[in-house]
Protein backbone atom coordinates (compact mmCIF):
# COMPACT_ATOMS: atom_id res chain seq x y z
CA MET A 1 -25.97 118.45 88.51
CA ARG A 2 -24.25 120.66 91.39
CA ASN A 3 -25.53 120.58 95.03
CA PRO A 4 -27.06 123.73 95.86
CA ARG A 5 -24.29 124.89 98.49
CA ASN A 6 -21.63 124.71 95.76
CA ASP A 7 -23.69 126.73 93.21
CA THR A 8 -22.63 130.27 92.52
CA LEU A 9 -24.55 132.79 91.01
CA GLY A 10 -24.03 135.27 88.39
CA SER A 11 -21.82 133.10 85.75
CA PRO A 12 -20.03 134.78 83.09
CA LYS A 13 -22.37 134.85 79.95
CA THR A 14 -20.88 134.39 76.12
CA GLY A 15 -23.46 136.60 74.81
CA THR A 16 -26.46 139.18 76.03
CA ASP A 17 -29.05 136.51 76.46
CA ALA A 18 -26.73 133.32 76.30
CA SER A 19 -25.16 131.31 79.38
CA PRO A 20 -23.46 128.49 79.74
CA GLU A 21 -25.84 126.75 82.28
CA LYS A 22 -28.89 127.31 80.05
CA GLY A 23 -30.50 123.73 79.73
CA SER A 24 -28.83 122.41 82.65
CA GLU A 25 -30.78 120.94 85.67
CA ARG A 26 -31.16 121.67 89.48
CA ARG A 27 -32.62 119.95 92.58
CA CYS A 28 -35.59 121.56 94.11
CA VAL A 29 -34.48 121.48 97.69
CA LEU A 30 -38.33 120.93 98.95
CA THR A 31 -39.30 118.35 96.83
CA GLY A 32 -36.13 116.46 95.85
CA GLN A 33 -37.15 116.55 92.39
CA THR A 34 -34.62 117.78 89.45
CA SER A 35 -36.02 120.29 87.07
CA ALA A 36 -34.76 122.57 84.09
CA ARG A 37 -32.98 125.23 85.81
CA ASP A 38 -35.13 127.71 84.01
CA ASP A 39 -37.83 126.29 85.43
CA LEU A 40 -37.11 126.46 88.89
CA VAL A 41 -36.90 129.77 91.42
CA ARG A 42 -33.30 130.39 92.65
CA LEU A 43 -33.23 131.78 96.62
CA ALA A 44 -29.95 133.55 97.13
CA VAL A 45 -28.33 133.06 100.94
CA SER A 46 -26.64 136.99 101.95
CA PRO A 47 -23.28 136.90 103.44
CA ASP A 48 -25.68 137.73 106.61
CA GLY A 49 -27.47 134.18 106.35
CA ASP A 50 -30.88 136.00 105.05
CA VAL A 51 -33.01 134.11 102.39
CA LEU A 52 -34.15 136.29 99.49
CA PRO A 53 -35.49 135.58 96.11
CA ASP A 54 -33.39 135.69 93.12
CA ALA A 55 -35.65 135.94 90.10
CA LEU A 56 -32.86 136.63 87.62
CA ALA A 57 -30.52 133.83 89.29
CA LYS A 58 -27.64 136.80 88.95
CA ALA A 59 -27.08 137.71 92.42
CA PRO A 60 -23.39 136.36 94.00
CA GLY A 61 -23.22 133.97 96.55
CA ARG A 62 -24.54 130.60 97.36
CA GLY A 63 -28.18 129.74 96.93
CA ALA A 64 -30.58 126.94 96.42
CA TRP A 65 -33.73 126.32 93.78
CA ILE A 66 -37.02 125.40 94.60
CA GLY A 67 -39.87 124.53 92.27
CA VAL A 68 -43.04 124.81 94.41
CA SER A 69 -45.94 127.27 94.32
CA LYS A 70 -46.44 130.30 96.59
CA ALA A 71 -48.71 128.39 98.99
CA ASP A 72 -46.13 125.06 99.23
CA LEU A 73 -43.26 127.73 99.92
CA ALA A 74 -45.40 129.21 102.91
CA GLU A 75 -46.35 126.07 104.10
CA ALA A 76 -42.49 124.95 103.80
CA ILE A 77 -41.52 128.21 105.89
CA SER A 78 -44.46 127.48 108.90
CA SER A 79 -43.32 123.97 109.33
CA GLY A 80 -39.66 124.84 109.55
CA LYS A 81 -39.12 122.45 106.32
CA LEU A 82 -37.65 125.05 104.03
CA LYS A 83 -35.05 126.31 106.99
CA GLY A 84 -34.36 122.69 107.63
CA ALA A 85 -33.48 121.75 103.77
CA LEU A 86 -31.10 125.37 103.57
CA SER A 87 -29.17 124.34 106.93
CA ARG A 88 -28.47 120.86 105.27
CA ALA A 89 -27.72 122.07 101.96
CA PHE A 90 -25.32 124.77 103.42
CA LYS A 91 -24.34 122.96 106.56
CA THR A 92 -25.27 125.86 109.01
CA GLY A 93 -28.23 126.79 110.96
CA ALA A 94 -27.67 130.52 111.01
CA LEU A 95 -29.79 131.10 108.17
CA ASN A 96 -32.71 133.73 108.55
CA VAL A 97 -35.99 132.87 106.48
CA PRO A 98 -38.47 135.93 106.18
CA GLU A 99 -42.20 135.07 106.60
CA ASP A 100 -42.83 137.43 104.23
CA LEU A 101 -40.51 135.38 101.57
CA PRO A 102 -43.74 134.15 99.25
CA THR A 103 -44.83 137.47 98.88
CA ARG A 104 -41.35 139.05 98.17
CA THR A 105 -40.76 135.88 95.66
CA GLU A 106 -44.06 136.82 94.06
CA SER A 107 -42.88 140.75 93.32
CA ALA A 108 -39.72 139.64 92.42
CA LEU A 109 -40.85 137.15 89.60
CA LYS A 110 -43.56 140.04 88.28
CA LYS A 111 -40.59 142.48 88.11
CA ALA A 112 -38.53 139.93 85.96
CA VAL A 113 -41.78 139.23 83.85
CA LEU A 114 -42.22 142.83 83.19
CA GLU A 115 -38.66 143.89 82.88
CA ARG A 116 -38.42 141.43 80.22
CA LEU A 117 -41.33 142.91 78.26
CA GLY A 118 -39.30 146.09 78.65
CA LEU A 119 -36.67 144.94 77.02
CA GLU A 120 -38.33 143.48 74.16
CA MET A 121 -40.10 146.71 73.71
CA ARG A 122 -36.90 148.91 73.61
CA SER A 123 -35.85 146.19 70.84
CA GLY A 124 -38.56 146.86 69.00
CA ARG A 125 -40.12 143.36 68.91
CA LEU A 126 -42.75 143.91 71.23
CA ILE A 127 -46.07 144.60 69.81
CA LEU A 128 -48.64 146.71 71.24
CA GLY A 129 -52.26 147.85 70.34
CA SER A 130 -54.95 145.44 69.08
CA ASP A 131 -55.50 147.11 65.52
CA ARG A 132 -51.62 146.68 65.28
CA ILE A 133 -51.50 143.29 66.63
CA ALA A 134 -54.72 142.11 64.65
CA ASN A 135 -52.90 143.73 61.17
CA GLU A 136 -49.36 141.82 61.92
CA ALA A 137 -51.23 138.60 63.21
CA ARG A 138 -53.08 138.20 59.96
CA MET A 139 -49.64 138.72 58.38
CA GLY A 140 -48.40 135.72 60.46
CA ALA A 141 -45.55 138.43 61.98
CA ILE A 142 -46.19 137.45 65.23
CA ALA A 143 -44.54 134.52 67.15
CA ALA A 144 -46.77 134.85 70.47
CA LEU A 145 -49.77 136.67 71.66
CA TYR A 146 -50.65 137.40 75.28
CA HIS A 147 -53.42 139.07 77.11
CA ALA A 148 -53.73 140.61 80.40
CA ALA A 149 -55.51 138.80 83.23
CA ASP A 150 -58.22 141.04 83.07
CA ALA A 151 -58.80 141.27 79.44
CA LYS A 152 -62.22 140.82 77.88
CA GLU A 153 -62.85 137.81 76.37
CA ASP A 154 -64.39 139.15 73.34
CA GLY A 155 -61.16 141.23 72.27
CA CYS A 156 -59.05 138.36 73.13
CA ARG A 157 -61.07 135.85 70.77
CA LYS A 158 -60.92 138.75 67.85
CA LEU A 159 -56.79 138.61 68.39
CA ASP A 160 -56.67 134.79 68.77
CA GLN A 161 -58.78 134.69 65.48
CA ALA A 162 -56.44 136.95 63.50
CA TRP A 163 -53.71 135.12 64.70
CA ARG A 164 -54.79 131.78 63.74
CA VAL A 165 -55.17 132.97 60.09
CA GLY A 166 -51.94 134.40 60.02
CA LEU A 167 -50.75 130.89 61.21
CA ASP A 168 -53.09 129.32 58.61
CA GLU A 169 -54.39 127.15 61.62
CA GLU A 170 -57.85 128.15 61.33
CA GLY A 171 -59.87 125.86 63.64
CA SER A 172 -57.06 124.76 65.39
CA GLY A 173 -57.76 126.24 68.85
CA ARG A 174 -54.45 127.78 69.21
CA LYS A 175 -55.07 130.88 71.61
CA GLY A 176 -53.06 133.81 73.06
CA GLU A 177 -51.88 132.98 76.52
CA ARG A 178 -53.30 134.70 79.56
CA LEU A 179 -50.83 136.49 82.00
CA PRO A 180 -50.74 136.78 85.65
CA LEU A 181 -50.74 140.46 85.34
CA ASP A 182 -53.49 143.09 84.68
CA ARG A 183 -53.71 145.86 82.51
CA GLU A 184 -52.84 148.37 84.96
CA ALA A 185 -49.52 146.46 85.86
CA LEU A 186 -48.32 145.99 82.20
CA SER A 187 -49.67 149.66 81.63
CA VAL A 188 -47.40 151.06 84.13
CA ALA A 189 -44.51 148.98 83.54
CA LEU A 190 -44.47 149.65 79.86
CA GLY A 191 -45.14 153.49 80.05
CA ARG A 192 -48.29 152.88 77.77
CA GLU A 193 -51.41 153.61 78.31
CA ASN A 194 -54.15 150.68 78.63
CA VAL A 195 -51.87 147.80 77.83
CA VAL A 196 -54.53 144.69 77.21
CA HIS A 197 -52.90 142.88 74.52
CA LEU A 198 -49.45 142.50 73.25
CA ALA A 199 -47.41 140.04 71.04
CA LEU A 200 -43.62 139.12 70.31
CA ALA A 201 -42.71 139.39 66.91
CA ASP A 202 -39.92 136.45 66.71
CA ALA A 203 -39.59 133.29 68.22
CA LYS A 204 -36.05 133.88 70.35
CA SER A 205 -38.30 137.06 72.19
CA ALA A 206 -40.82 134.60 72.80
CA GLN A 207 -38.37 132.14 74.42
CA ARG A 208 -36.41 134.68 76.21
CA PHE A 209 -40.27 135.89 77.83
CA SER A 210 -41.23 132.33 78.25
CA ILE A 211 -38.30 131.62 81.01
CA PRO A 212 -39.43 134.56 83.65
CA LEU A 213 -43.07 133.82 82.96
CA GLY A 214 -42.65 130.23 83.17
CA ARG A 215 -41.26 130.85 86.44
CA LEU A 216 -43.98 133.05 87.86
CA GLN A 217 -46.73 130.73 86.19
CA THR A 218 -45.50 127.71 88.00
CA PHE A 219 -44.79 129.84 91.32
CA LEU A 220 -48.76 130.91 91.32
CA GLY A 221 -49.90 127.75 90.19
CA ALA A 222 -51.13 129.01 87.04
CA ALA A 223 -49.22 126.52 84.74
CA ASP A 224 -50.60 123.35 86.78
CA ALA A 225 -54.34 125.11 86.55
CA ALA A 226 -53.88 125.97 83.24
CA ALA A 227 -52.75 121.80 82.36
CA GLU A 228 -56.03 120.78 84.26
CA THR A 229 -58.32 122.90 81.86
């Protein structure tokens, strides 16, 4: 595993979604814990020493990885722990860590999630509309099901049931995933009215989407909360 100070972003890719670093591990500069690269968030450092979120891990230059929640990041900034960790990693104290970095990071991660959905929609793999989703689900033609954060339980239950029927998993309790985004954010990003439920047609699409979504969920603490329920 490479030390964060030697890590370079924007590595050449072998295909549209392929990466020679896919599946590799990185160490969180705050906790010291090692996790898969796709599970961590990248902080890029500009030539001027500004520390900025790099949600897509594509910005040029040096950077470091974090695997903490928004609240933990805010605390690390307030206590000086983040600046200290970055200073040690880059062997320089000339760093500017903005106080609103947690908010900027959340915004960047949400943008990455929404942009990924937009790409899947343009490729024809995103399914929208409750009726269409229900029909495709019953035929076993969807790989992943999602609901807006403010979706009503009744609508979610109906689509969850249709999905289980299509997968021949009635009684399994399988449910679509609640997104940390409301219908307004989804509708604006996708240019459609009242986007409350959505589905992805194939497993590869679901895998591509799971990376930015997982990073956002971890940062917002949603992954830990889901594991406790």
